[in-house]
Structure formats: C-alpha cells, structure tokens
Amino acid sequence: VPAGVSAVDLEFQYLSPTDADQGRI
C-alpha cells in the first residue's frame, strides 16, 4: 500500500461455469 491513501480498490470478474463440466451452474 503506497503512502497517503486510505483505501485500495479492487476490480475482478467471477467467471461462473457455463457448462456443467466446469462446475455447478
């Protein structure tokens, strides 16, 4: 964390399964 900041901001995606072979839909 750099000096002088009060928060960090995150962005990401959760790529949920599109096929049952990849996990629960």
PDB file of all heavy atoms in Angstrom:
ATOM      1  N   VAL A   1       0.848  -1.188   0.000  1.00  0.00           N
ATOM      2  CA  VAL A   1       0.000   0.000   0.000  1.00  0.00           C
ATOM      3  C   VAL A   1       0.884   1.239   0.000  1.00  0.00           C
ATOM      4  O   VAL A   1       1.736   1.399   0.883  1.00  0.00           O
ATOM      5  CB  VAL A   1      -0.923   0.002   1.228  1.00  0.00           C
ATOM      6  CG1 VAL A   1      -1.767   1.271   1.255  1.00  0.00           C
ATOM      7  CG2 VAL A   1      -1.812  -1.239   1.234  1.00  0.00           C
ATOM      8  N   PRO A   2       0.697   2.116  -0.977  1.00  0.00           N
ATOM      9  CA  PRO A   2       1.517   3.335  -1.001  1.00  0.00           C
ATOM     10  C   PRO A   2       1.108   4.313   0.101  1.00  0.00           C
ATOM     11  O   PRO A   2       0.001   4.239   0.638  1.00  0.00           O
ATOM     12  CB  PRO A   2       1.238   3.910  -2.396  1.00  0.00           C
ATOM     13  CG  PRO A   2      -0.092   3.353  -2.788  1.00  0.00           C
ATOM     14  CD  PRO A   2      -0.198   2.010  -2.141  1.00  0.00           C
ATOM     15  N   ALA A   3       2.007   5.223   0.403  1.00  0.00           N
ATOM     16  CA  ALA A   3       1.734   6.231   1.427  1.00  0.00           C
ATOM     17  C   ALA A   3       0.663   7.201   0.953  1.00  0.00           C
ATOM     18  O   ALA A   3       0.493   7.445  -0.245  1.00  0.00           O
ATOM     19  CB  ALA A   3       3.022   6.982   1.767  1.00  0.00           C
ATOM     20  N   GLY A   4      -0.097   7.720   1.907  1.00  0.00           N
ATOM     21  CA  GLY A   4      -1.043   8.775   1.613  1.00  0.00           C
ATOM     22  C   GLY A   4      -2.384   8.330   1.073  1.00  0.00           C
ATOM     23  O   GLY A   4      -3.170   9.173   0.608  1.00  0.00           O
ATOM     24  N   VAL A   5      -2.703   7.026   1.110  1.00  0.00           N
ATOM     25  CA  VAL A   5      -4.011   6.577   0.648  1.00  0.00           C
ATOM     26  C   VAL A   5      -4.776   5.955   1.818  1.00  0.00           C
ATOM     27  O   VAL A   5      -4.165   5.466   2.781  1.00  0.00           O
ATOM     28  CB  VAL A   5      -3.897   5.557  -0.509  1.00  0.00           C
ATOM     29  CG1 VAL A   5      -3.148   6.162  -1.684  1.00  0.00           C
ATOM     30  CG2 VAL A   5      -3.222   4.278  -0.063  1.00  0.00           C
ATOM     31  N   SER A   6      -6.089   5.985   1.724  1.00  0.00           N
ATOM     32  CA  SER A   6      -6.913   5.465   2.812  1.00  0.00           C
ATOM     33  C   SER A   6      -7.649   4.187   2.431  1.00  0.00           C
ATOM     34  O   SER A   6      -8.327   3.604   3.265  1.00  0.00           O
ATOM     35  CB  SER A   6      -7.933   6.517   3.248  1.00  0.00           C
ATOM     36  OG  SER A   6      -8.767   6.882   2.149  1.00  0.00           O
ATOM     37  N   ALA A   7      -7.496   3.772   1.165  1.00  0.00           N
ATOM     38  CA  ALA A   7      -8.208   2.566   0.722  1.00  0.00           C
ATOM     39  C   ALA A   7      -7.550   2.029  -0.543  1.00  0.00           C
ATOM     40  O   ALA A   7      -6.886   2.769  -1.284  1.00  0.00           O
ATOM     41  CB  ALA A   7      -9.678   2.866   0.465  1.00  0.00           C
ATOM     42  N   VAL A   8      -7.748   0.756  -0.785  1.00  0.00           N
ATOM     43  CA  VAL A   8      -7.384   0.160  -2.067  1.00  0.00           C
ATOM     44  C   VAL A   8      -8.673  -0.297  -2.748  1.00  0.00           C
ATOM     45  O   VAL A   8      -9.624  -0.727  -2.082  1.00  0.00           O
ATOM     46  CB  VAL A   8      -6.393  -1.016  -1.913  1.00  0.00           C
ATOM     47  CG1 VAL A   8      -5.051  -0.526  -1.393  1.00  0.00           C
ATOM     48  CG2 VAL A   8      -6.949  -2.105  -1.014  1.00  0.00           C
ATOM     49  N   ASP A   9      -8.698  -0.169  -4.065  1.00  0.00           N
ATOM     50  CA  ASP A   9      -9.872  -0.529  -4.852  1.00  0.00           C
ATOM     51  C   ASP A   9      -9.555  -1.735  -5.718  1.00  0.00           C
ATOM     52  O   ASP A   9      -8.527  -1.764  -6.408  1.00  0.00           O
ATOM     53  CB  ASP A   9     -10.307   0.648  -5.729  1.00  0.00           C
ATOM     54  CG  ASP A   9     -10.739   1.844  -4.904  1.00  0.00           C
ATOM     55  OD1 ASP A   9     -11.682   1.694  -4.098  1.00  0.00           O
ATOM     56  OD2 ASP A   9     -10.140   2.929  -5.049  1.00  0.00           O
ATOM     57  N   LEU A  10     -10.457  -2.699  -5.704  1.00  0.00           N
ATOM     58  CA  LEU A  10     -10.274  -3.930  -6.462  1.00  0.00           C
ATOM     59  C   LEU A  10     -11.338  -4.024  -7.548  1.00  0.00           C
ATOM     60  O   LEU A  10     -12.496  -3.616  -7.333  1.00  0.00           O
ATOM     61  CB  LEU A  10     -10.407  -5.156  -5.562  1.00  0.00           C
ATOM     62  CG  LEU A  10      -9.268  -5.546  -4.615  1.00  0.00           C
ATOM     63  CD1 LEU A  10      -8.975  -4.480  -3.588  1.00  0.00           C
ATOM     64  CD2 LEU A  10      -9.601  -6.864  -3.933  1.00  0.00           C
ATOM     65  N   GLU A  11     -10.964  -4.577  -8.669  1.00  0.00           N
ATOM     66  CA  GLU A  11     -11.914  -4.992  -9.699  1.00  0.00           C
ATOM     67  C   GLU A  11     -11.525  -6.388 -10.168  1.00  0.00           C
ATOM     68  O   GLU A  11     -10.348  -6.680 -10.340  1.00  0.00           O
ATOM     69  CB  GLU A  11     -11.906  -4.029 -10.895  1.00  0.00           C
ATOM     70  CG  GLU A  11     -12.524  -2.678 -10.623  1.00  0.00           C
ATOM     71  CD  GLU A  11     -12.715  -1.871 -11.903  1.00  0.00           C
ATOM     72  OE1 GLU A  11     -12.882  -2.509 -12.974  1.00  0.00           O
ATOM     73  OE2 GLU A  11     -12.692  -0.628 -11.835  1.00  0.00           O
ATOM     74  N   PHE A  12     -12.531  -7.250 -10.337  1.00  0.00           N
ATOM     75  CA  PHE A  12     -12.283  -8.570 -10.918  1.00  0.00           C
ATOM     76  C   PHE A  12     -13.610  -9.146 -11.396  1.00  0.00           C
ATOM     77  O   PHE A  12     -14.678  -8.573 -11.178  1.00  0.00           O
ATOM     78  CB  PHE A  12     -11.598  -9.511  -9.919  1.00  0.00           C
ATOM     79  CG  PHE A  12     -12.388  -9.834  -8.679  1.00  0.00           C
ATOM     80  CD1 PHE A  12     -13.237 -10.939  -8.635  1.00  0.00           C
ATOM     81  CD2 PHE A  12     -12.265  -9.052  -7.525  1.00  0.00           C
ATOM     82  CE1 PHE A  12     -13.952 -11.252  -7.494  1.00  0.00           C
ATOM     83  CE2 PHE A  12     -12.978  -9.364  -6.378  1.00  0.00           C
ATOM     84  CZ  PHE A  12     -13.817 -10.465  -6.357  1.00  0.00           C
ATOM     85  N   GLN A  13     -13.513 -10.260 -12.081  1.00  0.00           N
ATOM     86  CA  GLN A  13     -14.698 -10.972 -12.530  1.00  0.00           C
ATOM     87  C   GLN A  13     -14.701 -12.375 -11.919  1.00  0.00           C
ATOM     88  O   GLN A  13     -13.643 -12.972 -11.720  1.00  0.00           O
ATOM     89  CB  GLN A  13     -14.734 -11.109 -14.061  1.00  0.00           C
ATOM     90  CG  GLN A  13     -14.669  -9.792 -14.808  1.00  0.00           C
ATOM     91  CD  GLN A  13     -13.240  -9.323 -14.980  1.00  0.00           C
ATOM     92  OE1 GLN A  13     -12.353 -10.109 -15.315  1.00  0.00           O
ATOM     93  NE2 GLN A  13     -13.001  -8.040 -14.743  1.00  0.00           N
ATOM     94  N   TYR A  14     -15.914 -12.835 -11.634  1.00  0.00           N
ATOM     95  CA  TYR A  14     -16.087 -14.233 -11.285  1.00  0.00           C
ATOM     96  C   TYR A  14     -16.725 -14.895 -12.488  1.00  0.00           C
ATOM     97  O   TYR A  14     -17.867 -14.594 -12.858  1.00  0.00           O
ATOM     98  CB  TYR A  14     -16.960 -14.406 -10.041  1.00  0.00           C
ATOM     99  CG  TYR A  14     -17.223 -15.860  -9.722  1.00  0.00           C
ATOM    100  CD1 TYR A  14     -16.170 -16.690  -9.347  1.00  0.00           C
ATOM    101  CD2 TYR A  14     -18.494 -16.409  -9.838  1.00  0.00           C
ATOM    102  CE1 TYR A  14     -16.392 -18.039  -9.081  1.00  0.00           C
ATOM    103  CE2 TYR A  14     -18.720 -17.745  -9.568  1.00  0.00           C
ATOM    104  CZ  TYR A  14     -17.664 -18.556  -9.191  1.00  0.00           C
ATOM    105  OH  TYR A  14     -17.872 -19.885  -8.948  1.00  0.00           O
ATOM    106  N   LEU A  15     -15.970 -15.778 -13.148  1.00  0.00           N
ATOM    107  CA  LEU A  15     -16.412 -16.419 -14.374  1.00  0.00           C
ATOM    108  C   LEU A  15     -17.144 -17.706 -14.004  1.00  0.00           C
ATOM    109  O   LEU A  15     -16.564 -18.788 -13.970  1.00  0.00           O
ATOM    110  CB  LEU A  15     -15.215 -16.706 -15.283  1.00  0.00           C
ATOM    111  CG  LEU A  15     -14.281 -15.506 -15.533  1.00  0.00           C
ATOM    112  CD1 LEU A  15     -13.114 -15.912 -16.406  1.00  0.00           C
ATOM    113  CD2 LEU A  15     -15.043 -14.339 -16.149  1.00  0.00           C
ATOM    114  N   SER A  16     -18.418 -17.577 -13.735  1.00  0.00           N
ATOM    115  CA  SER A  16     -19.171 -18.737 -13.267  1.00  0.00           C
ATOM    116  C   SER A  16     -19.279 -19.760 -14.389  1.00  0.00           C
ATOM    117  O   SER A  16     -19.207 -19.415 -15.576  1.00  0.00           O
ATOM    118  CB  SER A  16     -20.553 -18.318 -12.774  1.00  0.00           C
ATOM    119  OG  SER A  16     -21.449 -18.163 -13.843  1.00  0.00           O
ATOM    120  N   PRO A  17     -19.442 -21.039 -14.051  1.00  0.00           N
ATOM    121  CA  PRO A  17     -19.473 -22.079 -15.080  1.00  0.00           C
ATOM    122  C   PRO A  17     -20.555 -21.844 -16.124  1.00  0.00           C
ATOM    123  O   PRO A  17     -21.685 -21.451 -15.806  1.00  0.00           O
ATOM    124  CB  PRO A  17     -19.745 -23.357 -14.278  1.00  0.00           C
ATOM    125  CG  PRO A  17     -19.191 -23.060 -12.917  1.00  0.00           C
ATOM    126  CD  PRO A  17     -19.483 -21.604 -12.687  1.00  0.00           C
ATOM    127  N   THR A  18     -20.188 -22.086 -17.378  1.00  0.00           N
ATOM    128  CA  THR A  18     -21.152 -22.029 -18.474  1.00  0.00           C
ATOM    129  C   THR A  18     -21.553 -23.422 -18.925  1.00  0.00           C
ATOM    130  O   THR A  18     -22.440 -23.573 -19.765  1.00  0.00           O
ATOM    131  CB  THR A  18     -20.566 -21.263 -19.672  1.00  0.00           C
ATOM    132  OG1 THR A  18     -19.337 -21.895 -20.072  1.00  0.00           O
ATOM    133  CG2 THR A  18     -20.287 -19.823 -19.292  1.00  0.00           C
ATOM    134  N   ASP A  19     -20.909 -24.426 -18.360  1.00  0.00           N
ATOM    135  CA  ASP A  19     -21.177 -25.817 -18.694  1.00  0.00           C
ATOM    136  C   ASP A  19     -21.039 -26.631 -17.416  1.00  0.00           C
ATOM    137  O   ASP A  19     -20.160 -26.352 -16.588  1.00  0.00           O
ATOM    138  CB  ASP A  19     -20.189 -26.312 -19.755  1.00  0.00           C
ATOM    139  CG  ASP A  19     -20.502 -27.725 -20.212  1.00  0.00           C
ATOM    140  OD1 ASP A  19     -20.007 -28.662 -19.542  1.00  0.00           O
ATOM    141  OD2 ASP A  19     -21.211 -27.905 -21.211  1.00  0.00           O
ATOM    142  N   ALA A  20     -21.874 -27.636 -17.248  1.00  0.00           N
ATOM    143  CA  ALA A  20     -21.856 -28.432 -16.012  1.00  0.00           C
ATOM    144  C   ALA A  20     -20.516 -29.121 -15.800  1.00  0.00           C
ATOM    145  O   ALA A  20     -20.152 -29.427 -14.656  1.00  0.00           O
ATOM    146  CB  ALA A  20     -22.990 -29.457 -16.035  1.00  0.00           C
ATOM    147  N   ASP A  21     -19.766 -29.376 -16.868  1.00  0.00           N
ATOM    148  CA  ASP A  21     -18.453 -29.999 -16.709  1.00  0.00           C
ATOM    149  C   ASP A  21     -17.464 -29.072 -16.009  1.00  0.00           C
ATOM    150  O   ASP A  21     -16.447 -29.521 -15.485  1.00  0.00           O
ATOM    151  CB  ASP A  21     -17.885 -30.409 -18.070  1.00  0.00           C
ATOM    152  CG  ASP A  21     -18.645 -31.575 -18.681  1.00  0.00           C
ATOM    153  OD1 ASP A  21     -19.310 -32.305 -17.918  1.00  0.00           O
ATOM    154  OD2 ASP A  21     -18.591 -31.753 -19.912  1.00  0.00           O
ATOM    155  N   GLN A  22     -17.754 -27.757 -16.012  1.00  0.00           N
ATOM    156  CA  GLN A  22     -16.872 -26.782 -15.362  1.00  0.00           C
ATOM    157  C   GLN A  22     -17.222 -26.585 -13.891  1.00  0.00           C
ATOM    158  O   GLN A  22     -16.484 -25.932 -13.157  1.00  0.00           O
ATOM    159  CB  GLN A  22     -16.974 -25.429 -16.087  1.00  0.00           C
ATOM    160  CG  GLN A  22     -16.597 -25.476 -17.553  1.00  0.00           C
ATOM    161  CD  GLN A  22     -16.990 -24.197 -18.277  1.00  0.00           C
ATOM    162  OE1 GLN A  22     -17.543 -23.265 -17.682  1.00  0.00           O
ATOM    163  NE2 GLN A  22     -16.723 -24.134 -19.565  1.00  0.00           N
ATOM    164  N   GLY A  23     -18.327 -27.142 -13.463  1.00  0.00           N
ATOM    165  CA  GLY A  23     -18.791 -26.956 -12.098  1.00  0.00           C
ATOM    166  C   GLY A  23     -20.281 -26.684 -12.093  1.00  0.00           C
ATOM    167  O   GLY A  23     -20.954 -26.705 -13.123  1.00  0.00           O
ATOM    168  N   ARG A  24     -20.795 -26.416 -10.915  1.00  0.00           N
ATOM    169  CA  ARG A  24     -22.237 -26.197 -10.779  1.00  0.00           C
ATOM    170  C   ARG A  24     -22.651 -24.899 -11.474  1.00  0.00           C
ATOM    171  O   ARG A  24     -22.061 -23.843 -11.272  1.00  0.00           O
ATOM    172  CB  ARG A  24     -22.595 -26.145  -9.294  1.00  0.00           C
ATOM    173  CG  ARG A  24     -24.057 -25.813  -9.033  1.00  0.00           C
ATOM    174  CD  ARG A  24     -24.403 -25.886  -7.559  1.00  0.00           C
ATOM    175  NE  ARG A  24     -25.716 -25.295  -7.342  1.00  0.00           N
ATOM    176  CZ  ARG A  24     -25.917 -24.053  -6.932  1.00  0.00           C
ATOM    177  NH1 ARG A  24     -24.877 -23.282  -6.638  1.00  0.00           N
ATOM    178  NH2 ARG A  24     -27.131 -23.570  -6.775  1.00  0.00           N
ATOM    179  N   ILE A  25     -23.711 -24.972 -12.294  1.00  0.00           N
ATOM    180  CA  ILE A  25     -24.268 -23.793 -12.951  1.00  0.00           C
ATOM    181  C   ILE A  25     -24.971 -22.937 -11.902  1.00  0.00           C
ATOM    182  O   ILE A  25     -25.848 -23.418 -11.173  1.00  0.00           O
ATOM    183  CB  ILE A  25     -25.267 -24.197 -14.048  1.00  0.00           C
ATOM    184  CG1 ILE A  25     -24.575 -25.039 -15.135  1.00  0.00           C
ATOM    185  CG2 ILE A  25     -25.926 -22.962 -14.661  1.00  0.00           C
ATOM    186  CD1 ILE A  25     -23.524 -24.320 -15.909  1.00  0.00           C
TER     187      ILE A  25
END
